[in-house]
C-alpha atoms as a PDB file:
ATOM      1  CA  MET A   1     -17.910  17.073 151.813  1.00  0.00           C
ATOM      2  CA  SER A   2     -17.597  18.983 155.029  1.00  0.00           C
ATOM      3  CA  ALA A   3     -20.034  18.753 157.976  1.00  0.00           C
ATOM      4  CA  GLU A   4     -19.898  22.462 158.384  1.00  0.00           C
ATOM      5  CA  VAL A   5     -22.583  24.767 157.199  1.00  0.00           C
ATOM      6  CA  THR A   6     -21.682  28.099 155.577  1.00  0.00           C
ATOM      7  CA  ILE A   7     -23.878  30.670 157.501  1.00  0.00           C
ATOM      8  CA  THR A   8     -25.206  33.775 155.674  1.00  0.00           C
ATOM      9  CA  SER A   9     -27.656  36.505 156.581  1.00  0.00           C
ATOM     10  CA  GLU A  10     -30.305  34.451 154.473  1.00  0.00           C
ATOM     11  CA  ASN A  11     -30.006  31.291 156.467  1.00  0.00           C
ATOM     12  CA  PHE A  12     -28.765  32.504 159.895  1.00  0.00           C
ATOM     13  CA  LYS A  13     -32.156  32.330 161.478  1.00  0.00           C
ATOM     14  CA  SER A  14     -32.985  28.789 160.305  1.00  0.00           C
ATOM     15  CA  GLU A  15     -29.497  27.295 160.677  1.00  0.00           C
ATOM     16  CA  VAL A  16     -28.586  28.869 163.960  1.00  0.00           C
ATOM     17  CA  LEU A  17     -31.468  30.442 165.892  1.00  0.00           C
ATOM     18  CA  GLU A  18     -34.134  27.803 164.995  1.00  0.00           C
ATOM     19  CA  SER A  19     -31.650  24.792 165.374  1.00  0.00           C
ATOM     20  CA  SER A  20     -32.904  21.928 167.533  1.00  0.00           C
ATOM     21  CA  LEU A  21     -29.172  21.247 168.135  1.00  0.00           C
ATOM     22  CA  PRO A  22     -26.467  23.322 169.808  1.00  0.00           C
ATOM     23  CA  VAL A  23     -24.659  25.311 167.093  1.00  0.00           C
ATOM     24  CA  LEU A  24     -20.825  26.242 167.123  1.00  0.00           C
ATOM     25  CA  VAL A  25     -20.470  29.237 164.941  1.00  0.00           C
ATOM     26  CA  ASP A  26     -16.998  30.077 163.861  1.00  0.00           C
ATOM     27  CA  PHE A  27     -16.562  33.775 162.773  1.00  0.00           C
ATOM     28  CA  TRP A  28     -13.500  33.818 160.504  1.00  0.00           C
ATOM     29  CA  ALA A  29     -11.890  35.310 157.275  1.00  0.00           C
ATOM     30  CA  GLU A  30      -9.755  33.950 154.598  1.00  0.00           C
ATOM     31  CA  TRP A  31      -6.882  36.247 155.390  1.00  0.00           C
ATOM     32  CA  CYS A  32      -6.859  35.419 159.157  1.00  0.00           C
ATOM     33  CA  MET A  33      -3.802  33.100 160.003  1.00  0.00           C
ATOM     34  CA  PRO A  34      -5.228  32.164 163.483  1.00  0.00           C
ATOM     35  CA  CYS A  35      -8.586  31.373 161.802  1.00  0.00           C
ATOM     36  CA  ARG A  36      -6.717  28.958 159.363  1.00  0.00           C
ATOM     37  CA  MET A  37      -4.874  27.358 162.321  1.00  0.00           C
ATOM     38  CA  ILE A  38      -8.110  26.245 164.097  1.00  0.00           C
ATOM     39  CA  SER A  39     -10.127  25.442 160.969  1.00  0.00           C
ATOM     40  CA  PRO A  40      -8.958  21.726 160.972  1.00  0.00           C
ATOM     41  CA  SER A  41      -9.985  21.267 164.526  1.00  0.00           C
ATOM     42  CA  VAL A  42     -13.327  22.839 163.819  1.00  0.00           C
ATOM     43  CA  GLU A  43     -13.869  20.529 160.920  1.00  0.00           C
ATOM     44  CA  GLN A  44     -12.834  17.526 162.825  1.00  0.00           C
ATOM     45  CA  LEU A  45     -15.410  18.458 165.646  1.00  0.00           C
ATOM     46  CA  ALA A  46     -18.063  18.998 163.194  1.00  0.00           C
ATOM     47  CA  GLU A  47     -17.436  15.407 162.040  1.00  0.00           C
ATOM     48  CA  THR A  48     -17.070  13.956 165.392  1.00  0.00           C
ATOM     49  CA  TYR A  49     -20.211  15.539 166.688  1.00  0.00           C
ATOM     50  CA  LYS A  50     -22.338  15.190 163.566  1.00  0.00           C
ATOM     51  CA  GLY A  51     -26.097  14.708 164.628  1.00  0.00           C
ATOM     52  CA  LYS A  52     -25.306  16.132 168.087  1.00  0.00           C
ATOM     53  CA  LEU A  53     -23.927  19.565 167.210  1.00  0.00           C
ATOM     54  CA  LYS A  54     -24.128  21.712 164.102  1.00  0.00           C
ATOM     55  CA  VAL A  55     -21.039  23.705 163.197  1.00  0.00           C
ATOM     56  CA  GLY A  56     -21.463  26.859 161.079  1.00  0.00           C
ATOM     57  CA  LYS A  57     -18.885  29.282 159.704  1.00  0.00           C
ATOM     58  CA  VAL A  58     -19.533  32.881 159.067  1.00  0.00           C
ATOM     59  CA  ASN A  59     -17.026  34.719 156.827  1.00  0.00           C
ATOM     60  CA  VAL A  60     -16.867  38.218 158.391  1.00  0.00           C
ATOM     61  CA  ASP A  61     -15.765  39.865 155.176  1.00  0.00           C
ATOM     62  CA  GLU A  62     -18.855  38.402 153.258  1.00  0.00           C
ATOM     63  CA  GLN A  63     -21.403  38.523 156.256  1.00  0.00           C
ATOM     64  CA  SER A  64     -20.380  41.879 157.850  1.00  0.00           C
ATOM     65  CA  GLU A  65     -24.003  42.463 159.043  1.00  0.00           C
ATOM     66  CA  ILE A  66     -23.958  39.293 161.131  1.00  0.00           C
ATOM     67  CA  ALA A  67     -20.352  40.270 162.530  1.00  0.00           C
ATOM     68  CA  ALA A  68     -21.687  43.573 163.504  1.00  0.00           C
ATOM     69  CA  GLN A  69     -24.822  42.095 165.033  1.00  0.00           C
ATOM     70  CA  PHE A  70     -22.641  40.122 167.438  1.00  0.00           C
ATOM     71  CA  GLY A  71     -20.049  42.705 168.023  1.00  0.00           C
ATOM     72  CA  ILE A  72     -17.215  40.811 166.405  1.00  0.00           C
ATOM     73  CA  ILE A  73     -14.062  42.860 166.465  1.00  0.00           C
ATOM     74  CA  SER A  74     -11.410  40.047 166.688  1.00  0.00           C
ATOM     75  CA  ILE A  75     -11.266  36.781 164.881  1.00  0.00           C
ATOM     76  CA  PRO A  76     -11.484  33.850 165.253  1.00  0.00           C
ATOM     77  CA  THR A  77     -14.365  34.179 167.566  1.00  0.00           C
ATOM     78  CA  LEU A  78     -16.427  31.083 168.395  1.00  0.00           C
ATOM     79  CA  PHE A  79     -19.961  31.277 169.684  1.00  0.00           C
ATOM     80  CA  ILE A  80     -22.008  28.452 171.071  1.00  0.00           C
ATOM     81  CA  PHE A  81     -25.900  28.945 170.479  1.00  0.00           C
ATOM     82  CA  LYS A  82     -28.306  26.833 172.329  1.00  0.00           C
ATOM     83  CA  GLY A  83     -32.142  27.378 172.071  1.00  0.00           C
ATOM     84  CA  GLY A  84     -31.544  30.327 169.791  1.00  0.00           C
ATOM     85  CA  GLN A  85     -29.464  32.160 172.473  1.00  0.00           C
ATOM     86  CA  VAL A  86     -25.825  32.699 172.948  1.00  0.00           C
ATOM     87  CA  ALA A  87     -24.629  30.195 175.566  1.00  0.00           C
ATOM     88  CA  ARG A  88     -20.858  30.951 175.450  1.00  0.00           C
ATOM     89  CA  GLN A  89     -18.394  32.730 173.347  1.00  0.00           C
ATOM     90  CA  LYS A  90     -14.503  32.787 173.179  1.00  0.00           C
ATOM     91  CA  VAL A  91     -12.103  34.862 171.070  1.00  0.00           C
ATOM     92  CA  GLY A  92      -8.770  33.632 169.716  1.00  0.00           C
ATOM     93  CA  ALA A  93      -7.083  30.544 168.382  1.00  0.00           C
ATOM     94  CA  LEU A  94      -7.875  27.644 170.829  1.00  0.00           C
ATOM     95  CA  PRO A  95      -6.556  24.219 170.947  1.00  0.00           C
ATOM     96  CA  LYS A  96      -9.064  21.604 169.765  1.00  0.00           C
ATOM     97  CA  HIS A  97      -9.786  20.381 173.417  1.00  0.00           C
ATOM     98  CA  GLU A  98     -10.646  23.867 174.549  1.00  0.00           C
ATOM     99  CA  ILE A  99     -13.023  24.320 171.549  1.00  0.00           C
ATOM    100  CA  GLU A 100     -14.604  21.001 172.475  1.00  0.00           C
ATOM    101  CA  ASN A 101     -14.906  22.067 176.102  1.00  0.00           C
ATOM    102  CA  LEU A 102     -16.986  25.118 175.020  1.00  0.00           C
ATOM    103  CA  PHE A 103     -19.899  23.015 174.031  1.00  0.00           C
ATOM    104  CA  LYS A 104     -19.523  19.281 175.289  1.00  0.00           C
ATOM    105  CA  ASP A 105     -21.590  19.869 178.521  1.00  0.00           C
ATOM    106  CA  LEU A 106     -24.453  21.356 176.340  1.00  0.00           C
ATOM    107  CA  LEU A 107     -24.928  18.332 174.206  1.00  0.00           C
END
């Protein structure tokens, strides 16, 4: 069982905006090769930081309203939310250590 949470329009507010933990949100799609490349790193970080960081995945094909709300035009796009606000964002396939550097100082 993965430590990642599937984010939908129904649970976005409770899982992301109201989370007491910082949240890494991975905007991705099944057909996106760079998304697939970073997926194992995102999963590993979800396990490593379980209890300190919440990791959620938004499938942009299934949740287009969330993608539109945050102006997602390229994927993968990673957002870090803290206190219900976007703290950081980065577009593109990043190595694991760069993904980790996006949030590590916010924990």
